[in-house]
Amino acid sequence: MLKTFKRLFFCVFVSQITFSQEIVSDVSLNWSSSYKQALKKSKLEHKPILVYFKGSDWCGPCKVVDTKLFGSERFKELSDKSLILLEVDIPRQTDLLSEEKMSENYYLKEKFNIKSFPTILILNHKGIVLAEKKGYIISDYYYPFIEEVLRKYKS
């Protein structure tokens, strides 16, 4: 009986791992190099800015967002069509970014009062916050949020 239970448990465990994985591809997103550039592109292209605050070398949920959301074809299609992207990394290892980039990122963290990671803001071309989403649950959690902001932005 115990042997049968162990086999059943193992099969259920393996199937959960196998079938619960999202399909993620190796996509390349077009991230703006600076806040100033993102504002300029936003005004020129009439698109809102998605600002992604993360801690690349210490934030576990951020690593999941990087892979599951930003690594998906679905997000790439949405962002190419409708968003300007800006990544704001706040790593613990300060040598991961240039001094200039680190300075800008900390300025943006303070400007937008970011206290938790990951945080996603959506801004207009003037840098005004239109919406904010904190934390990570699953990648599908973000799409209705982004799509609703895009609907309001276009109207």
N, C-alpha and C. Protein backbone atom coordinates (compact mmCIF):
# COMPACT_ATOMS: atom_id res chain seq x y z
N MET A 1 0.82 -1.20 0.00
CA MET A 1 0.00 0.00 0.00
C MET A 1 0.87 1.27 0.00
N LEU A 2 1.87 1.29 0.87
CA LEU A 2 2.76 2.44 0.95
C LEU A 2 3.54 2.63 -0.34
N LYS A 3 3.95 1.53 -0.94
CA LYS A 3 4.68 1.57 -2.21
C LYS A 3 3.80 2.18 -3.31
N THR A 4 2.55 1.78 -3.36
CA THR A 4 1.61 2.31 -4.34
C THR A 4 1.39 3.80 -4.12
N PHE A 5 1.25 4.19 -2.86
CA PHE A 5 1.07 5.60 -2.54
C PHE A 5 2.28 6.43 -2.98
N LYS A 6 3.47 5.92 -2.72
CA LYS A 6 4.69 6.63 -3.12
C LYS A 6 4.76 6.80 -4.64
N ARG A 7 4.42 5.74 -5.36
CA ARG A 7 4.43 5.82 -6.83
C ARG A 7 3.40 6.84 -7.33
N LEU A 8 2.22 6.79 -6.75
CA LEU A 8 1.17 7.74 -7.13
C LEU A 8 1.60 9.18 -6.84
N PHE A 9 2.15 9.39 -5.66
CA PHE A 9 2.63 10.73 -5.29
C PHE A 9 3.70 11.21 -6.26
N PHE A 10 4.64 10.33 -6.59
CA PHE A 10 5.71 10.68 -7.51
C PHE A 10 5.15 11.06 -8.88
N CYS A 11 4.21 10.28 -9.38
CA CYS A 11 3.61 10.57 -10.70
C CYS A 11 2.87 11.90 -10.69
N VAL A 12 2.12 12.17 -9.65
CA VAL A 12 1.40 13.45 -9.54
C VAL A 12 2.40 14.60 -9.46
N PHE A 13 3.44 14.44 -8.67
CA PHE A 13 4.45 15.48 -8.51
C PHE A 13 5.14 15.79 -9.84
N VAL A 14 5.57 14.77 -10.55
CA VAL A 14 6.24 14.95 -11.84
C VAL A 14 5.30 15.59 -12.85
N SER A 15 4.06 15.15 -12.89
CA SER A 15 3.12 15.74 -13.85
C SER A 15 2.83 17.20 -13.53
N GLN A 16 2.77 17.56 -12.26
CA GLN A 16 2.55 18.96 -11.89
C GLN A 16 3.70 19.84 -12.37
N ILE A 17 4.90 19.38 -12.17
CA ILE A 17 6.07 20.14 -12.62
C ILE A 17 6.07 20.25 -14.14
N THR A 18 5.82 19.16 -14.81
CA THR A 18 5.85 19.12 -16.27
C THR A 18 4.79 20.00 -16.89
N PHE A 19 3.57 19.92 -16.43
CA PHE A 19 2.46 20.60 -17.09
C PHE A 19 2.18 22.00 -16.56
N SER A 20 2.83 22.40 -15.49
CA SER A 20 2.57 23.74 -14.96
C SER A 20 3.52 24.78 -15.53
N GLN A 21 4.44 24.38 -16.37
CA GLN A 21 5.41 25.31 -16.93
C GLN A 21 4.81 26.13 -18.06
N GLU A 22 5.05 27.45 -18.01
CA GLU A 22 4.64 28.30 -19.13
C GLU A 22 5.66 28.16 -20.24
N ILE A 23 5.21 28.31 -21.46
CA ILE A 23 6.14 28.28 -22.58
C ILE A 23 6.78 29.65 -22.69
N VAL A 24 8.09 29.68 -22.57
CA VAL A 24 8.83 30.94 -22.60
C VAL A 24 9.89 30.84 -23.68
N SER A 25 9.98 31.87 -24.49
CA SER A 25 10.99 31.86 -25.53
C SER A 25 12.04 32.91 -25.21
N ASP A 26 13.12 32.85 -25.92
CA ASP A 26 14.21 33.79 -25.72
C ASP A 26 13.95 35.01 -26.59
N VAL A 27 13.21 35.98 -26.05
CA VAL A 27 12.86 37.16 -26.83
C VAL A 27 13.74 38.33 -26.41
N SER A 28 13.87 39.27 -27.30
CA SER A 28 14.65 40.46 -27.03
C SER A 28 13.73 41.68 -27.08
N LEU A 29 13.64 42.38 -25.96
CA LEU A 29 12.78 43.55 -25.89
C LEU A 29 13.58 44.81 -26.16
N ASN A 30 12.90 45.84 -26.60
CA ASN A 30 13.53 47.11 -26.93
C ASN A 30 13.43 48.06 -25.73
N TRP A 31 14.36 47.90 -24.77
CA TRP A 31 14.36 48.75 -23.58
C TRP A 31 15.03 50.08 -23.90
N SER A 32 14.45 51.16 -23.43
CA SER A 32 15.06 52.49 -23.58
C SER A 32 16.29 52.56 -22.68
N SER A 33 17.26 53.33 -23.11
CA SER A 33 18.51 53.40 -22.34
C SER A 33 18.45 54.38 -21.17
N SER A 34 17.48 55.30 -21.19
CA SER A 34 17.38 56.28 -20.10
C SER A 34 15.94 56.77 -19.96
N TYR A 35 15.67 57.37 -18.82
CA TYR A 35 14.35 57.95 -18.56
C TYR A 35 14.06 59.06 -19.55
N LYS A 36 15.05 59.88 -19.80
CA LYS A 36 14.89 61.00 -20.74
C LYS A 36 14.55 60.48 -22.14
N GLN A 37 15.26 59.44 -22.57
CA GLN A 37 14.99 58.86 -23.89
C GLN A 37 13.58 58.26 -23.94
N ALA A 38 13.16 57.60 -22.86
CA ALA A 38 11.82 56.99 -22.81
C ALA A 38 10.74 58.06 -22.91
N LEU A 39 10.91 59.18 -22.20
CA LEU A 39 9.94 60.28 -22.28
C LEU A 39 9.85 60.83 -23.70
N LYS A 40 11.00 61.00 -24.32
CA LYS A 40 11.05 61.52 -25.69
C LYS A 40 10.35 60.57 -26.67
N LYS A 41 10.66 59.27 -26.57
CA LYS A 41 10.03 58.27 -27.44
C LYS A 41 8.53 58.20 -27.20
N SER A 42 8.13 58.31 -25.96
CA SER A 42 6.71 58.26 -25.61
C SER A 42 5.94 59.40 -26.28
N LYS A 43 6.51 60.58 -26.22
CA LYS A 43 5.86 61.74 -26.84
C LYS A 43 5.81 61.58 -28.36
N LEU A 44 6.90 61.16 -28.94
CA LEU A 44 7.01 61.01 -30.38
C LEU A 44 6.09 59.91 -30.93
N GLU A 45 6.03 58.77 -30.23
CA GLU A 45 5.28 57.61 -30.72
C GLU A 45 3.86 57.51 -30.14
N HIS A 46 3.51 58.43 -29.24
CA HIS A 46 2.17 58.44 -28.62
C HIS A 46 1.87 57.11 -27.92
N LYS A 47 2.85 56.64 -27.14
CA LYS A 47 2.70 55.40 -26.38
C LYS A 47 3.06 55.67 -24.92
N PRO A 48 2.41 54.98 -23.98
CA PRO A 48 2.80 55.11 -22.58
C PRO A 48 4.12 54.37 -22.32
N ILE A 49 4.72 54.70 -21.20
CA ILE A 49 6.00 54.09 -20.79
C ILE A 49 5.73 53.07 -19.69
N LEU A 50 6.20 51.85 -19.89
CA LEU A 50 6.16 50.84 -18.84
C LEU A 50 7.53 50.87 -18.17
N VAL A 51 7.56 51.24 -16.89
CA VAL A 51 8.81 51.30 -16.13
C VAL A 51 8.83 50.11 -15.18
N TYR A 52 9.88 49.32 -15.31
CA TYR A 52 10.02 48.09 -14.52
C TYR A 52 11.14 48.27 -13.51
N PHE A 53 10.80 48.35 -12.23
CA PHE A 53 11.77 48.46 -11.14
C PHE A 53 12.08 47.06 -10.64
N LYS A 54 13.37 46.73 -10.63
CA LYS A 54 13.78 45.38 -10.23
C LYS A 54 15.11 45.40 -9.49
N GLY A 55 15.42 44.31 -8.84
CA GLY A 55 16.72 44.08 -8.22
C GLY A 55 17.30 42.83 -8.85
N SER A 56 18.10 43.01 -9.88
CA SER A 56 18.53 41.88 -10.72
C SER A 56 19.34 40.82 -9.99
N ASP A 57 20.09 41.22 -8.97
CA ASP A 57 20.98 40.25 -8.32
C ASP A 57 20.48 39.79 -6.95
N TRP A 58 19.30 40.22 -6.55
CA TRP A 58 18.82 39.82 -5.23
C TRP A 58 17.32 39.54 -5.13
N CYS A 59 16.54 39.97 -6.10
CA CYS A 59 15.08 39.86 -6.03
C CYS A 59 14.59 38.62 -6.78
N GLY A 60 14.22 37.59 -6.05
CA GLY A 60 13.72 36.35 -6.66
C GLY A 60 12.50 36.55 -7.54
N PRO A 61 11.46 37.24 -7.04
CA PRO A 61 10.29 37.48 -7.89
C PRO A 61 10.62 38.26 -9.16
N CYS A 62 11.60 39.16 -9.10
CA CYS A 62 12.01 39.92 -10.29
C CYS A 62 12.56 38.98 -11.36
N LYS A 63 13.30 37.98 -10.93
CA LYS A 63 13.87 37.01 -11.89
C LYS A 63 12.75 36.22 -12.57
N VAL A 64 11.69 35.94 -11.83
CA VAL A 64 10.55 35.24 -12.42
C VAL A 64 9.85 36.15 -13.43
N VAL A 65 9.66 37.43 -13.07
CA VAL A 65 9.04 38.39 -14.00
C VAL A 65 9.88 38.50 -15.27
N ASP A 66 11.20 38.57 -15.11
CA ASP A 66 12.09 38.66 -16.28
C ASP A 66 11.86 37.49 -17.23
N THR A 67 11.74 36.31 -16.69
CA THR A 67 11.59 35.11 -17.51
C THR A 67 10.17 34.91 -18.02
N LYS A 68 9.23 34.91 -17.10
CA LYS A 68 7.85 34.52 -17.44
C LYS A 68 7.07 35.62 -18.16
N LEU A 69 7.27 36.87 -17.78
CA LEU A 69 6.54 37.96 -18.43
C LEU A 69 7.36 38.55 -19.57
N PHE A 70 8.51 39.11 -19.24
CA PHE A 70 9.31 39.81 -20.24
C PHE A 70 10.00 38.86 -21.21
N GLY A 71 10.04 37.57 -20.90
CA GLY A 71 10.63 36.59 -21.80
C GLY A 71 9.62 35.94 -22.73
N SER A 72 8.38 36.41 -22.71
CA SER A 72 7.34 35.76 -23.51
C SER A 72 7.08 36.50 -24.83
N GLU A 73 6.71 35.73 -25.83
CA GLU A 73 6.34 36.30 -27.14
C GLU A 73 5.11 37.20 -27.00
N ARG A 74 4.19 36.78 -26.14
CA ARG A 74 2.96 37.57 -25.94
C ARG A 74 3.29 38.99 -25.48
N PHE A 75 4.21 39.10 -24.51
CA PHE A 75 4.58 40.43 -24.03
C PHE A 75 5.34 41.20 -25.10
N LYS A 76 6.22 40.53 -25.82
CA LYS A 76 6.98 41.21 -26.87
C LYS A 76 6.04 41.83 -27.89
N GLU A 77 5.04 41.08 -28.33
CA GLU A 77 4.08 41.60 -29.31
C GLU A 77 3.33 42.81 -28.75
N LEU A 78 2.90 42.71 -27.51
CA LEU A 78 2.18 43.81 -26.87
C LEU A 78 3.07 45.04 -26.74
N SER A 79 4.28 44.86 -26.27
CA SER A 79 5.17 46.00 -26.04
C SER A 79 5.64 46.63 -27.34
N ASP A 80 5.95 45.82 -28.35
CA ASP A 80 6.38 46.38 -29.63
C ASP A 80 5.31 47.28 -30.23
N LYS A 81 4.06 46.88 -30.06
CA LYS A 81 2.95 47.61 -30.64
C LYS A 81 2.50 48.81 -29.81
N SER A 82 2.59 48.70 -28.48
CA SER A 82 1.87 49.67 -27.65
C SER A 82 2.64 50.35 -26.53
N LEU A 83 3.89 49.97 -26.26
CA LEU A 83 4.58 50.49 -25.08
C LEU A 83 6.00 50.95 -25.38
N ILE A 84 6.45 51.89 -24.58
CA ILE A 84 7.87 52.24 -24.50
C ILE A 84 8.34 51.58 -23.20
N LEU A 85 9.46 50.88 -23.23
CA LEU A 85 9.93 50.14 -22.06
C LEU A 85 11.15 50.80 -21.43
N LEU A 86 11.15 50.83 -20.10
CA LEU A 86 12.30 51.33 -19.35
C LEU A 86 12.52 50.42 -18.15
N GLU A 87 13.71 49.85 -18.08
CA GLU A 87 14.07 48.98 -16.95
C GLU A 87 14.92 49.79 -15.98
N VAL A 88 14.53 49.75 -14.70
CA VAL A 88 15.26 50.46 -13.65
C VAL A 88 15.75 49.40 -12.66
N ASP A 89 17.01 49.05 -12.78
CA ASP A 89 17.61 48.01 -11.95
C ASP A 89 18.26 48.64 -10.72
N ILE A 90 17.99 48.07 -9.56
CA ILE A 90 18.60 48.51 -8.30
C ILE A 90 19.34 47.30 -7.72
N PRO A 91 20.50 46.96 -8.28
CA PRO A 91 21.22 45.79 -7.78
C PRO A 91 21.97 46.10 -6.48
N ARG A 92 22.26 45.06 -5.73
CA ARG A 92 23.08 45.24 -4.52
C ARG A 92 24.55 45.37 -4.90
N GLN A 93 24.95 44.67 -5.96
CA GLN A 93 26.33 44.79 -6.45
C GLN A 93 26.39 46.02 -7.35
N THR A 94 26.97 47.07 -6.85
CA THR A 94 26.96 48.35 -7.57
C THR A 94 27.82 48.33 -8.83
N ASP A 95 28.68 47.35 -8.98
CA ASP A 95 29.52 47.30 -10.18
C ASP A 95 28.80 46.67 -11.38
N LEU A 96 27.55 46.28 -11.22
CA LEU A 96 26.80 45.69 -12.34
C LEU A 96 26.35 46.74 -13.35
N LEU A 97 26.27 48.00 -12.91
CA LEU A 97 25.85 49.09 -13.79
C LEU A 97 26.87 50.21 -13.75
N SER A 98 26.84 51.06 -14.77
CA SER A 98 27.73 52.22 -14.76
C SER A 98 27.30 53.15 -13.63
N GLU A 99 28.20 53.99 -13.20
CA GLU A 99 27.89 54.95 -12.14
C GLU A 99 26.74 55.88 -12.56
N GLU A 100 26.76 56.29 -13.82
CA GLU A 100 25.71 57.17 -14.35
C GLU A 100 24.34 56.48 -14.33
N LYS A 101 24.30 55.23 -14.77
CA LYS A 101 23.04 54.48 -14.81
C LYS A 101 22.54 54.21 -13.39
N MET A 102 23.45 53.87 -12.50
CA MET A 102 23.09 53.62 -11.10
C MET A 102 22.50 54.88 -10.47
N SER A 103 23.11 56.01 -10.77
CA SER A 103 22.63 57.29 -10.24
C SER A 103 21.22 57.59 -10.75
N GLU A 104 20.99 57.40 -12.05
CA GLU A 104 19.66 57.64 -12.62
C GLU A 104 18.64 56.69 -12.00
N ASN A 105 19.01 55.43 -11.84
CA ASN A 105 18.07 54.45 -11.30
C ASN A 105 17.67 54.77 -9.86
N TYR A 106 18.63 55.18 -9.04
CA TYR A 106 18.31 55.56 -7.66
C TYR A 106 17.47 56.83 -7.63
N TYR A 107 17.74 57.75 -8.54
CA TYR A 107 16.92 58.96 -8.65
C TYR A 107 15.46 58.58 -8.96
N LEU A 108 15.26 57.69 -9.91
CA LEU A 108 13.90 57.26 -10.29
C LEU A 108 13.22 56.50 -9.16
N LYS A 109 13.98 55.69 -8.44
CA LYS A 109 13.43 54.96 -7.29
C LYS A 109 12.88 55.95 -6.26
N GLU A 110 13.63 57.00 -5.99
CA GLU A 110 13.19 58.03 -5.04
C GLU A 110 12.05 58.86 -5.61
N LYS A 111 12.17 59.27 -6.85
CA LYS A 111 11.15 60.11 -7.49
C LYS A 111 9.78 59.46 -7.44
N PHE A 112 9.73 58.15 -7.70
CA PHE A 112 8.46 57.45 -7.74
C PHE A 112 8.16 56.69 -6.43
N ASN A 113 9.00 56.93 -5.41
CA ASN A 113 8.78 56.36 -4.07
C ASN A 113 8.60 54.84 -4.11
N ILE A 114 9.53 54.17 -4.77
CA ILE A 114 9.46 52.72 -4.91
C ILE A 114 10.02 52.07 -3.65
N LYS A 115 9.18 51.25 -3.02
CA LYS A 115 9.56 50.58 -1.77
C LYS A 115 9.59 49.06 -1.89
N SER A 116 8.98 48.52 -2.94
CA SER A 116 8.96 47.06 -3.09
C SER A 116 9.29 46.68 -4.53
N PHE A 117 9.81 45.46 -4.66
CA PHE A 117 10.24 44.96 -5.96
C PHE A 117 9.63 43.59 -6.20
N PRO A 118 9.25 43.27 -7.42
CA PRO A 118 9.21 44.16 -8.58
C PRO A 118 8.03 45.13 -8.48
N THR A 119 8.21 46.28 -9.11
CA THR A 119 7.12 47.25 -9.27
C THR A 119 7.10 47.67 -10.73
N ILE A 120 5.90 47.73 -11.28
CA ILE A 120 5.72 48.21 -12.65
C ILE A 120 4.86 49.46 -12.60
N LEU A 121 5.38 50.53 -13.19
CA LEU A 121 4.61 51.76 -13.35
C LEU A 121 4.32 51.95 -14.83
N ILE A 122 3.20 52.57 -15.10
CA ILE A 122 2.93 53.01 -16.47
C ILE A 122 2.75 54.51 -16.41
N LEU A 123 3.57 55.21 -17.22
CA LEU A 123 3.61 56.67 -17.22
C LEU A 123 3.16 57.22 -18.56
N ASN A 124 2.73 58.48 -18.54
CA ASN A 124 2.49 59.15 -19.82
C ASN A 124 3.78 59.85 -20.25
N HIS A 125 3.74 60.57 -21.37
CA HIS A 125 4.95 61.20 -21.91
C HIS A 125 5.49 62.34 -21.04
N LYS A 126 4.70 62.77 -20.05
CA LYS A 126 5.15 63.81 -19.13
C LYS A 126 5.73 63.22 -17.84
N GLY A 127 5.73 61.90 -17.75
CA GLY A 127 6.26 61.24 -16.55
C GLY A 127 5.25 61.12 -15.43
N ILE A 128 3.99 61.33 -15.74
CA ILE A 128 2.93 61.22 -14.72
C ILE A 128 2.48 59.76 -14.65
N VAL A 129 2.39 59.25 -13.42
CA VAL A 129 2.01 57.85 -13.21
C VAL A 129 0.53 57.65 -13.54
N LEU A 130 0.28 56.74 -14.47
CA LEU A 130 -1.09 56.38 -14.85
C LEU A 130 -1.58 55.16 -14.07
N ALA A 131 -0.65 54.26 -13.73
CA ALA A 131 -1.01 53.03 -13.02
C ALA A 131 0.23 52.41 -12.40
N GLU A 132 0.00 51.57 -11.40
CA GLU A 132 1.09 50.92 -10.68
C GLU A 132 0.68 49.51 -10.30
N LYS A 133 1.63 48.58 -10.40
CA LYS A 133 1.39 47.19 -10.00
C LYS A 133 2.63 46.72 -9.25
N LYS A 134 2.43 46.22 -8.03
CA LYS A 134 3.55 45.75 -7.20
C LYS A 134 3.49 44.25 -7.03
N GLY A 135 4.66 43.64 -6.93
CA GLY A 135 4.75 42.22 -6.64
C GLY A 135 4.58 41.34 -7.86
N TYR A 136 4.63 40.04 -7.62
CA TYR A 136 4.49 39.06 -8.69
C TYR A 136 3.64 37.90 -8.21
N ILE A 137 2.68 37.51 -9.03
CA ILE A 137 1.91 36.30 -8.75
C ILE A 137 2.13 35.35 -9.93
N ILE A 138 1.54 35.65 -11.08
CA ILE A 138 1.78 34.92 -12.32
C ILE A 138 1.80 35.95 -13.44
N SER A 139 2.39 35.60 -14.56
CA SER A 139 2.51 36.58 -15.64
C SER A 139 1.16 37.05 -16.16
N ASP A 140 0.16 36.17 -16.15
CA ASP A 140 -1.16 36.57 -16.63
C ASP A 140 -1.80 37.66 -15.77
N TYR A 141 -1.30 37.85 -14.58
CA TYR A 141 -1.74 38.88 -13.65
C TYR A 141 -1.52 40.28 -14.23
N TYR A 142 -0.50 40.43 -15.07
CA TYR A 142 -0.14 41.74 -15.60
C TYR A 142 -0.92 42.16 -16.84
N TYR A 143 -1.32 41.21 -17.66
CA TYR A 143 -1.94 41.58 -18.94
C TYR A 143 -3.23 42.38 -18.81
N PRO A 144 -4.19 41.98 -17.99
CA PRO A 144 -5.41 42.80 -17.87
C PRO A 144 -5.09 44.21 -17.37
N PHE A 145 -4.14 44.31 -16.45
CA PHE A 145 -3.70 45.60 -15.93
C PHE A 145 -3.14 46.49 -17.05
N ILE A 146 -2.22 45.95 -17.84
CA ILE A 146 -1.60 46.72 -18.93
C ILE A 146 -2.64 47.06 -19.99
N GLU A 147 -3.45 46.10 -20.36
CA GLU A 147 -4.45 46.33 -21.41
C GLU A 147 -5.48 47.38 -21.01
N GLU A 148 -5.87 47.40 -19.75
CA GLU A 148 -6.82 48.41 -19.26
C GLU A 148 -6.19 49.81 -19.33
N VAL A 149 -4.94 49.92 -18.92
CA VAL A 149 -4.25 51.22 -19.00
C VAL A 149 -4.14 51.66 -20.45
N LEU A 150 -3.82 50.75 -21.35
CA LEU A 150 -3.70 51.10 -22.77
C LEU A 150 -5.04 51.57 -23.34
N ARG A 151 -6.14 50.93 -22.95
CA ARG A 151 -7.47 51.37 -23.40
C ARG A 151 -7.75 52.80 -22.95
N LYS A 152 -7.45 53.08 -21.69
CA LYS A 152 -7.69 54.43 -21.17
C LYS A 152 -6.75 55.45 -21.82
N TYR A 153 -5.52 55.03 -22.07
CA TYR A 153 -4.52 55.94 -22.65
C TYR A 153 -4.91 56.36 -24.06
N LYS A 154 -5.47 55.44 -24.82
CA LYS A 154 -5.84 55.73 -26.21
C LYS A 154 -7.10 56.57 -26.32
N SER A 155 -7.92 56.56 -25.27
CA SER A 155 -9.19 57.31 -25.37
C SER A 155 -9.04 58.76 -24.93
